[in-house]
Structures are given as structure tokens and as C-alpha cells.
Amino acid sequence: MHDVVTAANQKFMAIFSKGAETMGDLYTSDAKIYPPGGDTISGNTAIGEFWKGAYGMGIKAAKLDTVEAEPAGDQIVEVGNYTLYGDGNAELDKGKYIVVWKQDGEAWKLHRDIWNTSMPGQ
């Protein structure tokens, strides 16, 4: 399962760093994200717009490091750490996340996604 998640995260990082234009395609149609300091965002279209907005506000790259990836029925639960970067590879944020992955056809997609910072004062 770890290899499946690692490959999917590589795709996430690559698409995000190129402008986040197709980020919504990485999520199931009924996905939900739970961003820190904000309301739940539902559906892959709205989630795609969220990520494009984050890129437009200065987050230019994300690094995802999987700590655990365990099967849970027809899903995978991933626990990991993230780092977000701005222009010139300036570190903007780092923290931890939990993602529930769900198989959608042949692809594994993000179904539930929650993260929070580990940096004080943010």
C-alpha cells in the first residue's frame, strides 16, 4: 500500500508545482478537505479551486512524506508530514496530515484530506 500512496503523492506534488490546474482530478467526486482555519470544502471541483487559489497566493510546492499507509477495507489510510514552499524554495509551513484514499476505477484518489501546521503561531 505504501508504494500506491507514494506514487499518488508524487503525482500530487508534480501537478501542484506546475500551477495546480488539475488538482481536483486527484480527488473523488464526493471528496472533502478540512483545511486549517477554514470550513470543509466538498467535491473535487471546489477542491481543485481551493488548490489553485493556494498556488495563486504564493504556495509554489508541497513535499509529502508518508509515515504510515494501511489498508482499511476498500480504502487506504495515510498518515504523513508535509512541507509547503514559496518562491525560491522558502519554507512557508510544515505539519502533519491524514488522507483517506479510495479507489476510483483504476486510480487511487484522495477521498478525505485533513492537515494542520506544526509551526507555532500559525
C-alpha atoms as a PDB file:
ATOM      1  CA  MET A   1       0.000   0.000   0.000  1.00  0.00           C
ATOM      2  CA  HIS A   2       2.883   2.345   0.745  1.00  0.00           C
ATOM      3  CA  ASP A   3       4.010   2.217  -2.921  1.00  0.00           C
ATOM      4  CA  VAL A   4       0.498   3.087  -4.150  1.00  0.00           C
ATOM      5  CA  VAL A   5       0.356   6.133  -1.893  1.00  0.00           C
ATOM      6  CA  THR A   6       3.912   7.204  -2.696  1.00  0.00           C
ATOM      7  CA  ALA A   7       3.147   7.147  -6.431  1.00  0.00           C
ATOM      8  CA  ALA A   8      -0.097   9.092  -5.937  1.00  0.00           C
ATOM      9  CA  ASN A   9       1.703  11.673  -3.779  1.00  0.00           C
ATOM     10  CA  GLN A  10       4.393  12.115  -6.447  1.00  0.00           C
ATOM     11  CA  LYS A  11       1.617  12.980  -8.898  1.00  0.00           C
ATOM     12  CA  PHE A  12       0.048  15.398  -6.370  1.00  0.00           C
ATOM     13  CA  MET A  13       3.363  17.197  -5.829  1.00  0.00           C
ATOM     14  CA  ALA A  14       4.108  17.415  -9.563  1.00  0.00           C
ATOM     15  CA  ILE A  15       0.683  18.777 -10.512  1.00  0.00           C
ATOM     16  CA  PHE A  16       0.691  21.288  -7.675  1.00  0.00           C
ATOM     17  CA  SER A  17       4.135  22.645  -8.554  1.00  0.00           C
ATOM     18  CA  LYS A  18       3.001  23.264 -12.147  1.00  0.00           C
ATOM     19  CA  GLY A  19       0.198  25.615 -11.099  1.00  0.00           C
ATOM     20  CA  ALA A  20      -2.330  23.233  -9.505  1.00  0.00           C
ATOM     21  CA  GLU A  21      -4.563  23.400 -12.600  1.00  0.00           C
ATOM     22  CA  THR A  22      -5.843  19.798 -12.426  1.00  0.00           C
ATOM     23  CA  MET A  23      -5.660  19.157  -8.674  1.00  0.00           C
ATOM     24  CA  GLY A  24      -9.384  18.377  -8.489  1.00  0.00           C
ATOM     25  CA  ASP A  25      -8.823  15.341 -10.718  1.00  0.00           C
ATOM     26  CA  LEU A  26      -6.788  13.746  -7.919  1.00  0.00           C
ATOM     27  CA  TYR A  27      -9.853  13.682  -5.623  1.00  0.00           C
ATOM     28  CA  THR A  28     -13.008  11.568  -5.740  1.00  0.00           C
ATOM     29  CA  SER A  29     -16.103  13.420  -6.950  1.00  0.00           C
ATOM     30  CA  ASP A  30     -17.518  13.405  -3.393  1.00  0.00           C
ATOM     31  CA  ALA A  31     -14.214  14.172  -1.647  1.00  0.00           C
ATOM     32  CA  LYS A  32     -13.914  16.500   1.328  1.00  0.00           C
ATOM     33  CA  ILE A  33     -10.952  18.507   2.558  1.00  0.00           C
ATOM     34  CA  TYR A  34     -10.594  20.035   6.000  1.00  0.00           C
ATOM     35  CA  PRO A  35      -8.106  22.902   5.723  1.00  0.00           C
ATOM     36  CA  PRO A  36      -6.830  24.539   8.900  1.00  0.00           C
ATOM     37  CA  GLY A  37      -8.630  27.725   9.852  1.00  0.00           C
ATOM     38  CA  GLY A  38     -11.388  27.173   7.300  1.00  0.00           C
ATOM     39  CA  ASP A  39     -14.608  25.371   6.555  1.00  0.00           C
ATOM     40  CA  THR A  40     -14.915  21.927   4.998  1.00  0.00           C
ATOM     41  CA  ILE A  41     -14.724  22.019   1.199  1.00  0.00           C
ATOM     42  CA  SER A  42     -16.730  19.363  -0.646  1.00  0.00           C
ATOM     43  CA  GLY A  43     -16.444  17.977  -4.165  1.00  0.00           C
ATOM     44  CA  ASN A  44     -13.446  17.710  -6.452  1.00  0.00           C
ATOM     45  CA  THR A  45     -14.333  20.864  -8.431  1.00  0.00           C
ATOM     46  CA  ALA A  46     -14.360  23.084  -5.331  1.00  0.00           C
ATOM     47  CA  ILE A  47     -11.249  21.336  -4.011  1.00  0.00           C
ATOM     48  CA  GLY A  48      -9.464  21.999  -7.302  1.00  0.00           C
ATOM     49  CA  GLU A  49     -10.333  25.702  -6.997  1.00  0.00           C
ATOM     50  CA  PHE A  50      -9.026  25.724  -3.408  1.00  0.00           C
ATOM     51  CA  TRP A  51      -5.626  24.391  -4.512  1.00  0.00           C
ATOM     52  CA  LYS A  52      -5.405  26.800  -7.467  1.00  0.00           C
ATOM     53  CA  GLY A  53      -6.113  29.608  -5.006  1.00  0.00           C
ATOM     54  CA  ALA A  54      -3.381  28.377  -2.658  1.00  0.00           C
ATOM     55  CA  TYR A  55      -0.910  28.337  -5.545  1.00  0.00           C
ATOM     56  CA  GLY A  56      -2.004  31.831  -6.569  1.00  0.00           C
ATOM     57  CA  MET A  57      -1.462  33.088  -3.005  1.00  0.00           C
ATOM     58  CA  GLY A  58       2.202  32.053  -3.095  1.00  0.00           C
ATOM     59  CA  ILE A  59       2.466  28.372  -2.183  1.00  0.00           C
ATOM     60  CA  LYS A  60       4.532  27.011  -5.075  1.00  0.00           C
ATOM     61  CA  ALA A  61       5.439  23.482  -3.984  1.00  0.00           C
ATOM     62  CA  ALA A  62       4.450  20.814  -1.488  1.00  0.00           C
ATOM     63  CA  LYS A  63       6.559  17.979  -0.147  1.00  0.00           C
ATOM     64  CA  LEU A  64       4.627  14.990   1.216  1.00  0.00           C
ATOM     65  CA  ASP A  65       6.285  12.287   3.318  1.00  0.00           C
ATOM     66  CA  THR A  66       4.222   9.209   4.127  1.00  0.00           C
ATOM     67  CA  VAL A  67       4.757   7.854   7.652  1.00  0.00           C
ATOM     68  CA  GLU A  68       2.065   5.136   7.518  1.00  0.00           C
ATOM     69  CA  ALA A  69      -0.179   3.713   4.813  1.00  0.00           C
ATOM     70  CA  GLU A  70      -2.544   0.992   5.956  1.00  0.00           C
ATOM     71  CA  PRO A  71      -5.399  -0.730   4.140  1.00  0.00           C
ATOM     72  CA  ALA A  72      -8.874  -0.225   5.602  1.00  0.00           C
ATOM     73  CA  GLY A  73     -11.321  -2.317   3.587  1.00  0.00           C
ATOM     74  CA  ASP A  74     -11.530  -0.762   0.123  1.00  0.00           C
ATOM     75  CA  GLN A  75      -9.599   2.310   1.261  1.00  0.00           C
ATOM     76  CA  ILE A  76      -6.114   3.240   2.425  1.00  0.00           C
ATOM     77  CA  VAL A  77      -5.458   5.460   5.432  1.00  0.00           C
ATOM     78  CA  GLU A  78      -2.294   7.504   5.131  1.00  0.00           C
ATOM     79  CA  VAL A  79      -0.568   9.471   7.891  1.00  0.00           C
ATOM     80  CA  GLY A  80       2.224  11.798   6.880  1.00  0.00           C
ATOM     81  CA  ASN A  81       4.108  15.050   7.151  1.00  0.00           C
ATOM     82  CA  TYR A  82       4.087  17.960   4.730  1.00  0.00           C
ATOM     83  CA  THR A  83       6.193  20.990   3.970  1.00  0.00           C
ATOM     84  CA  LEU A  84       4.952  23.884   1.844  1.00  0.00           C
ATOM     85  CA  TYR A  85       7.319  26.139  -0.102  1.00  0.00           C
ATOM     86  CA  GLY A  86       7.040  29.547  -1.733  1.00  0.00           C
ATOM     87  CA  ASP A  87       9.200  31.305  -4.280  1.00  0.00           C
ATOM     88  CA  GLY A  88      12.883  30.448  -4.061  1.00  0.00           C
ATOM     89  CA  ASN A  89      12.093  27.315  -2.039  1.00  0.00           C
ATOM     90  CA  ALA A  90      11.339  29.429   1.049  1.00  0.00           C
ATOM     91  CA  GLU A  91       9.670  27.204   3.653  1.00  0.00           C
ATOM     92  CA  LEU A  92       6.207  28.583   4.402  1.00  0.00           C
ATOM     93  CA  ASP A  93       4.662  25.862   6.559  1.00  0.00           C
ATOM     94  CA  LYS A  94       5.178  22.344   7.798  1.00  0.00           C
ATOM     95  CA  GLY A  95       2.854  19.988   9.585  1.00  0.00           C
ATOM     96  CA  LYS A  96       1.053  16.675   9.531  1.00  0.00           C
ATOM     97  CA  TYR A  97      -1.874  15.191   7.651  1.00  0.00           C
ATOM     98  CA  ILE A  98      -4.226  12.246   7.357  1.00  0.00           C
ATOM     99  CA  VAL A  99      -5.651  11.188   3.993  1.00  0.00           C
ATOM    100  CA  VAL A 100      -8.212   8.504   3.263  1.00  0.00           C
ATOM    101  CA  TRP A 101      -7.584   7.173  -0.243  1.00  0.00           C
ATOM    102  CA  LYS A 102     -10.332   5.480  -2.236  1.00  0.00           C
ATOM    103  CA  GLN A 103     -10.030   3.520  -5.456  1.00  0.00           C
ATOM    104  CA  ASP A 104     -11.901   5.210  -8.322  1.00  0.00           C
ATOM    105  CA  GLY A 105     -11.720   2.940 -11.363  1.00  0.00           C
ATOM    106  CA  GLU A 106      -8.049   2.092 -11.789  1.00  0.00           C
ATOM    107  CA  ALA A 107      -6.788   5.130  -9.867  1.00  0.00           C
ATOM    108  CA  TRP A 108      -6.423   5.739  -6.148  1.00  0.00           C
ATOM    109  CA  LYS A 109      -7.796   9.188  -5.307  1.00  0.00           C
ATOM    110  CA  LEU A 110      -7.931  11.362  -2.214  1.00  0.00           C
ATOM    111  CA  HIS A 111     -11.325  10.987  -0.556  1.00  0.00           C
ATOM    112  CA  ARG A 112     -10.831  12.732   2.802  1.00  0.00           C
ATOM    113  CA  ASP A 113      -7.914  15.080   3.444  1.00  0.00           C
ATOM    114  CA  ILE A 114      -7.112  16.931   6.684  1.00  0.00           C
ATOM    115  CA  TRP A 115      -3.924  18.697   7.719  1.00  0.00           C
ATOM    116  CA  ASN A 116      -2.632  21.127  10.307  1.00  0.00           C
ATOM    117  CA  THR A 117       0.512  23.078  10.925  1.00  0.00           C
ATOM    118  CA  SER A 118       3.242  22.155  13.371  1.00  0.00           C
ATOM    119  CA  MET A 119       4.621  25.712  13.313  1.00  0.00           C
ATOM    120  CA  PRO A 120       3.874  27.899  16.342  1.00  0.00           C
ATOM    121  CA  GLY A 121       1.687  30.929  15.801  1.00  0.00           C
ATOM    122  CA  GLN A 122       0.061  29.798  12.568  1.00  0.00           C
END
